Amino acid sequence: MSAALPFEIHAPGAPARALILCDHASNAVPPEIGSGAGLGLPPDEMERHIAYDIGVRGVTLELSRLMGATAILSRFSRLVVDPNRGEDDPTLVMRLYDGAIVPANRHAGSEEIARRVEAYHRPYHAAIDAEIEARLAAGRPPALIAVHSFTPRLRSRAPRPWHVGVLWHRDDRMSAPLLARLRAEPGLCVGDNQPYSGQLEGDTLSRHGTRRGLRHVLIELRQDLIATETDQRLWAARLAPMFAGIVADTEEDADG
């Protein structure tokens, strides 16, 4: 993987205003990281939520297809370095996550962390910056949609009841209508800044959305609901018209 880009751009030049971001699309570990293919973890640990957001790559690619939207996805595990964290965040490289000690990270010092940031974290965000700048230059500011997933149970805590969560901070231009549309769906348990808070300074949407004044929203899907390709397509089909409608409804505001 060292010769490959640490990100992929799907459907470049697609016509939709939406730009879909998938920070935790992959559990891949570049061979130059060391400690074996899984950072020293056994294969079953690398298939858990600690290594990536299960199901999101399929959902993102199907959303891209249905909406005619460009998507940018990571190609490295969040355990290598987490692209959804600021460079100064203490959880940028996790040494212990949900009961698993990560051998290759346990003694990673500042030089190793800086190397990973330079090799993987910065190129991913540079790709997002370049896409945004191109759209701004064309007079078409994008609407950012970040796709994530969450484990049904974290550590020994109670099961999480939400089917889907909407995360946001300060700017609710997209989160408010998305929450309303999701809550109108029968049988859905919808979290508002659940199961996590969207108020994380330095994360992907803080960096590319809030600081630029761009419309943005982050959606979290429960992993057992998108574990199969069929379920991923079904959720994408459910969400695509919601996102498309919200982007269209907020377009006049975005253009000033």
Protein backbone atom coordinates (compact mmCIF):
# COMPACT_ATOMS: atom_id res chain seq x y z
CA MET A 1 0.00 0.00 0.00
CA SER A 2 2.98 2.31 0.40
CA ALA A 3 2.93 3.06 -3.34
CA ALA A 4 -0.81 3.77 -3.35
CA LEU A 5 -2.54 6.94 -2.34
CA PRO A 6 -3.98 6.86 1.20
CA PHE A 7 -7.36 7.95 -0.16
CA GLU A 8 -9.64 7.21 -3.06
CA ILE A 9 -11.83 9.62 -4.97
CA HIS A 10 -14.96 7.99 -6.31
CA ALA A 11 -16.88 9.60 -9.18
CA PRO A 12 -14.63 12.66 -9.59
CA GLY A 13 -16.36 15.50 -11.36
CA ALA A 14 -19.83 14.20 -10.48
CA PRO A 15 -22.48 16.93 -10.87
CA ALA A 16 -24.12 16.96 -7.42
CA ARG A 17 -23.34 19.73 -4.94
CA ALA A 18 -22.92 17.12 -2.20
CA LEU A 19 -19.40 15.96 -1.38
CA ILE A 20 -19.47 12.69 0.59
CA LEU A 21 -16.64 11.97 3.03
CA CYS A 22 -15.82 8.61 4.57
CA ASP A 23 -13.06 8.92 7.17
CA HIS A 24 -13.10 5.32 8.41
CA ALA A 25 -13.76 3.37 5.23
CA SER A 26 -10.92 0.86 5.52
CA ASN A 27 -9.15 -1.42 8.00
CA ALA A 28 -6.04 -1.68 5.81
CA VAL A 29 -2.61 -1.30 7.40
CA PRO A 30 0.31 -0.18 5.20
CA PRO A 31 3.13 -2.75 5.34
CA GLU A 32 5.68 -0.11 6.34
CA ILE A 33 3.91 0.43 9.67
CA GLY A 34 5.40 -2.85 10.96
CA SER A 35 4.24 -5.36 13.58
CA GLY A 36 2.57 -7.46 10.91
CA ALA A 37 -0.48 -6.87 8.73
CA GLY A 38 -2.73 -5.89 11.64
CA LEU A 39 -0.54 -3.63 13.78
CA GLY A 40 0.26 -6.70 15.85
CA LEU A 41 -3.41 -7.44 16.46
CA PRO A 42 -4.96 -10.77 15.42
CA PRO A 43 -7.16 -10.72 12.29
CA ASP A 44 -10.42 -10.95 14.24
CA GLU A 45 -9.57 -7.73 16.10
CA MET A 46 -8.93 -5.93 12.82
CA GLU A 47 -12.43 -6.88 11.70
CA ARG A 48 -13.96 -5.10 14.72
CA HIS A 49 -15.18 -1.54 14.92
CA ILE A 50 -11.89 -0.49 16.51
CA ALA A 51 -10.15 -0.73 13.12
CA TYR A 52 -12.74 0.92 10.87
CA ASP A 53 -16.41 1.85 10.57
CA ILE A 54 -18.08 -1.37 9.50
CA GLY A 55 -20.39 -1.03 6.49
CA VAL A 56 -19.70 2.60 5.64
CA ARG A 57 -17.72 2.08 2.47
CA GLY A 58 -20.61 0.29 0.81
CA VAL A 59 -23.11 2.90 1.98
CA THR A 60 -20.88 5.73 0.77
CA LEU A 61 -20.32 4.27 -2.68
CA GLU A 62 -24.02 3.61 -3.15
CA LEU A 63 -24.90 7.13 -1.98
CA SER A 64 -22.37 8.45 -4.47
CA ARG A 65 -24.03 6.46 -7.27
CA LEU A 66 -27.61 7.35 -6.36
CA MET A 67 -26.91 11.05 -5.77
CA GLY A 68 -24.44 11.59 -8.60
CA ALA A 69 -21.97 12.85 -6.01
CA THR A 70 -18.22 12.68 -5.60
CA ALA A 71 -16.98 10.73 -2.58
CA ILE A 72 -13.58 10.79 -0.88
CA LEU A 73 -12.72 7.76 1.23
CA SER A 74 -9.74 6.85 3.40
CA ARG A 75 -7.67 3.77 2.52
CA PHE A 76 -6.05 3.14 5.91
CA SER A 77 -7.25 1.95 9.29
CA ARG A 78 -8.19 4.46 11.96
CA LEU A 79 -5.70 2.58 14.18
CA VAL A 80 -2.85 3.72 11.90
CA VAL A 81 -3.85 7.35 12.44
CA ASP A 82 -7.39 8.68 12.80
CA PRO A 83 -8.30 11.12 10.01
CA ASN A 84 -11.32 12.28 12.00
CA ARG A 85 -9.08 13.86 14.65
CA GLY A 86 -7.03 17.04 14.69
CA GLU A 87 -3.27 16.61 14.49
CA ASP A 88 -2.90 17.65 18.13
CA ASP A 89 -5.64 15.33 19.43
CA PRO A 90 -4.37 12.84 22.05
CA THR A 91 -6.52 10.10 20.47
CA LEU A 92 -4.95 10.57 17.02
CA VAL A 93 -3.09 7.24 17.41
CA MET A 94 -4.87 4.90 19.79
CA ARG A 95 -2.80 2.63 22.00
CA LEU A 96 -5.79 1.03 23.74
CA TYR A 97 -9.24 0.87 22.20
CA ASP A 98 -12.30 -0.95 23.54
CA GLY A 99 -10.21 -3.45 25.50
CA ALA A 100 -7.60 -4.09 22.78
CA ILE A 101 -3.97 -3.06 23.24
CA VAL A 102 -2.50 -2.15 19.84
CA PRO A 103 1.10 -3.48 19.82
CA ALA A 104 2.38 -1.28 16.97
CA ASN A 105 0.98 1.82 18.69
CA ARG A 106 1.87 1.03 22.27
CA HIS A 107 5.29 2.64 22.12
CA ALA A 108 4.75 4.94 19.13
CA GLY A 109 6.54 8.19 19.95
CA SER A 110 6.19 11.68 18.54
CA GLU A 111 8.42 10.94 15.53
CA GLU A 112 6.40 7.88 14.51
CA ILE A 113 3.11 9.72 14.95
CA ALA A 114 4.43 12.65 12.90
CA ARG A 115 5.49 10.21 10.16
CA ARG A 116 2.02 8.70 10.00
CA VAL A 117 0.38 12.13 9.94
CA GLU A 118 2.59 13.17 7.02
CA ALA A 119 2.08 9.93 5.09
CA TYR A 120 -1.67 9.32 5.59
CA HIS A 121 -3.57 11.97 7.55
CA ARG A 122 -2.41 15.06 5.65
CA PRO A 123 -2.79 13.63 2.14
CA TYR A 124 -6.37 12.58 2.91
CA HIS A 125 -7.28 16.06 4.10
CA ALA A 126 -5.34 17.68 1.27
CA ALA A 127 -7.52 15.75 -1.18
CA ILE A 128 -10.64 17.11 0.52
CA ASP A 129 -9.20 20.63 0.51
CA ALA A 130 -8.40 20.40 -3.19
CA GLU A 131 -11.92 19.25 -4.05
CA ILE A 132 -13.47 22.03 -1.99
CA GLU A 133 -11.18 24.69 -3.47
CA ALA A 134 -12.04 23.60 -7.01
CA ARG A 135 -15.74 23.87 -6.28
CA LEU A 136 -15.39 27.25 -4.59
CA ALA A 137 -13.41 28.53 -7.57
CA ALA A 138 -16.28 27.40 -9.80
CA GLY A 139 -18.81 29.22 -7.62
CA ARG A 140 -20.38 25.98 -6.39
CA PRO A 141 -19.69 25.62 -2.66
CA PRO A 142 -20.23 21.97 -1.67
CA ALA A 143 -22.45 20.49 1.00
CA LEU A 144 -20.39 18.06 3.06
CA ILE A 145 -21.88 14.73 4.17
CA ALA A 146 -19.73 12.56 6.43
CA VAL A 147 -20.73 8.90 6.74
CA HIS A 148 -19.83 6.93 9.89
CA SER A 149 -21.07 3.89 11.78
CA PHE A 150 -21.14 2.87 15.42
CA THR A 151 -20.99 -0.42 17.28
CA PRO A 152 -24.26 -1.60 18.89
CA ARG A 153 -22.44 -1.93 22.22
CA LEU A 154 -19.24 -0.25 23.42
CA ARG A 155 -17.25 -2.07 26.08
CA SER A 156 -19.58 -3.37 28.81
CA ARG A 157 -22.13 -0.59 28.50
CA ALA A 158 -25.80 -1.09 27.76
CA PRO A 159 -26.87 -1.72 24.15
CA ARG A 160 -27.27 1.44 22.13
CA PRO A 161 -30.91 1.93 21.11
CA TRP A 162 -30.39 4.31 18.19
CA HIS A 163 -30.64 3.08 14.63
CA VAL A 164 -29.10 6.25 13.29
CA GLY A 165 -27.53 9.36 14.77
CA VAL A 166 -27.00 12.88 13.44
CA LEU A 167 -23.94 14.74 14.70
CA TRP A 168 -23.51 18.47 14.41
CA HIS A 169 -21.99 21.55 16.07
CA ARG A 170 -23.06 25.21 15.73
CA ASP A 171 -24.32 24.98 12.13
CA ASP A 172 -27.65 23.14 11.89
CA ARG A 173 -28.54 24.02 8.31
CA MET A 174 -28.33 20.35 7.31
CA SER A 175 -28.65 18.57 10.65
CA ALA A 176 -32.01 20.09 11.60
CA PRO A 177 -33.86 19.07 8.41
CA LEU A 178 -32.12 15.68 8.42
CA LEU A 179 -33.26 15.01 11.98
CA ALA A 180 -36.80 16.02 11.03
CA ARG A 181 -36.86 13.71 8.01
CA LEU A 182 -35.40 10.77 9.90
CA ARG A 183 -37.83 11.22 12.80
CA ALA A 184 -40.71 11.13 10.34
CA GLU A 185 -39.67 7.61 9.32
CA PRO A 186 -41.74 4.96 11.15
CA GLY A 187 -39.89 2.75 13.60
CA LEU A 188 -36.59 4.63 13.62
CA CYS A 189 -34.82 5.53 16.86
CA VAL A 190 -32.88 8.67 15.97
CA GLY A 191 -30.10 10.23 18.02
CA ASP A 192 -29.40 13.97 18.11
CA ASN A 193 -25.66 14.15 18.81
CA GLN A 194 -25.90 10.50 19.86
CA PRO A 195 -24.18 8.11 20.30
CA TYR A 196 -21.40 10.71 20.12
CA SER A 197 -21.26 14.47 20.29
CA GLY A 198 -20.54 16.38 17.10
CA GLN A 199 -18.76 19.05 19.13
CA LEU A 200 -15.23 17.82 18.43
CA GLU A 201 -12.85 20.61 17.52
CA GLY A 202 -10.41 19.66 14.79
CA ASP A 203 -12.40 16.74 13.39
CA THR A 204 -13.09 16.45 9.67
CA LEU A 205 -16.25 18.56 9.59
CA SER A 206 -14.84 21.13 11.99
CA ARG A 207 -11.83 21.49 9.72
CA HIS A 208 -13.55 21.50 6.34
CA GLY A 209 -17.09 22.60 7.19
CA THR A 210 -17.26 24.88 10.22
CA ARG A 211 -14.04 26.79 9.54
CA ARG A 212 -15.04 27.45 5.92
CA GLY A 213 -18.69 28.19 6.64
CA LEU A 214 -19.83 25.30 4.44
CA ARG A 215 -23.01 23.32 5.00
CA HIS A 216 -22.24 19.98 6.58
CA VAL A 217 -23.61 17.08 8.57
CA LEU A 218 -22.36 13.77 9.95
CA ILE A 219 -24.53 10.67 10.00
CA GLU A 220 -23.88 7.60 12.17
CA LEU A 221 -25.46 4.26 11.26
CA ARG A 222 -25.56 1.31 13.66
CA GLN A 223 -23.26 -1.36 12.36
CA ASP A 224 -25.57 -4.34 12.70
CA LEU A 225 -28.00 -2.56 10.37
CA ILE A 226 -25.45 -2.18 7.55
CA ALA A 227 -23.41 -5.36 7.96
CA THR A 228 -24.38 -6.82 4.55
CA GLU A 229 -24.16 -5.38 1.04
CA THR A 230 -27.94 -5.64 0.75
CA ASP A 231 -28.49 -3.60 3.91
CA GLN A 232 -25.92 -1.04 2.81
CA ARG A 233 -27.78 -0.52 -0.45
CA LEU A 234 -31.12 -0.29 1.34
CA TRP A 235 -29.87 2.37 3.75
CA ALA A 236 -28.27 4.33 0.94
CA ALA A 237 -31.56 4.21 -0.99
CA ARG A 238 -33.36 5.45 2.11
CA LEU A 239 -30.93 8.29 2.77
CA ALA A 240 -30.13 9.49 -0.76
CA PRO A 241 -33.43 11.33 -1.39
CA MET A 242 -33.24 12.90 2.08
CA PHE A 243 -29.75 14.22 1.46
CA ALA A 244 -30.55 15.36 -2.07
CA GLY A 245 -33.61 17.24 -0.87
CA ILE A 246 -31.75 18.93 1.98
CA VAL A 247 -28.87 19.97 -0.27
CA ALA A 248 -31.32 21.43 -2.76
CA ASP A 249 -33.33 23.21 -0.05
CA THR A 250 -30.23 24.86 1.44
CA GLU A 251 -28.53 25.72 -1.86
CA GLU A 252 -29.78 29.32 -2.04
CA ASP A 253 -28.47 29.97 1.46
CA ALA A 254 -25.09 28.45 0.54
CA ASP A 255 -24.73 30.62 -2.55
CA GLY A 256 -25.34 33.74 -0.52
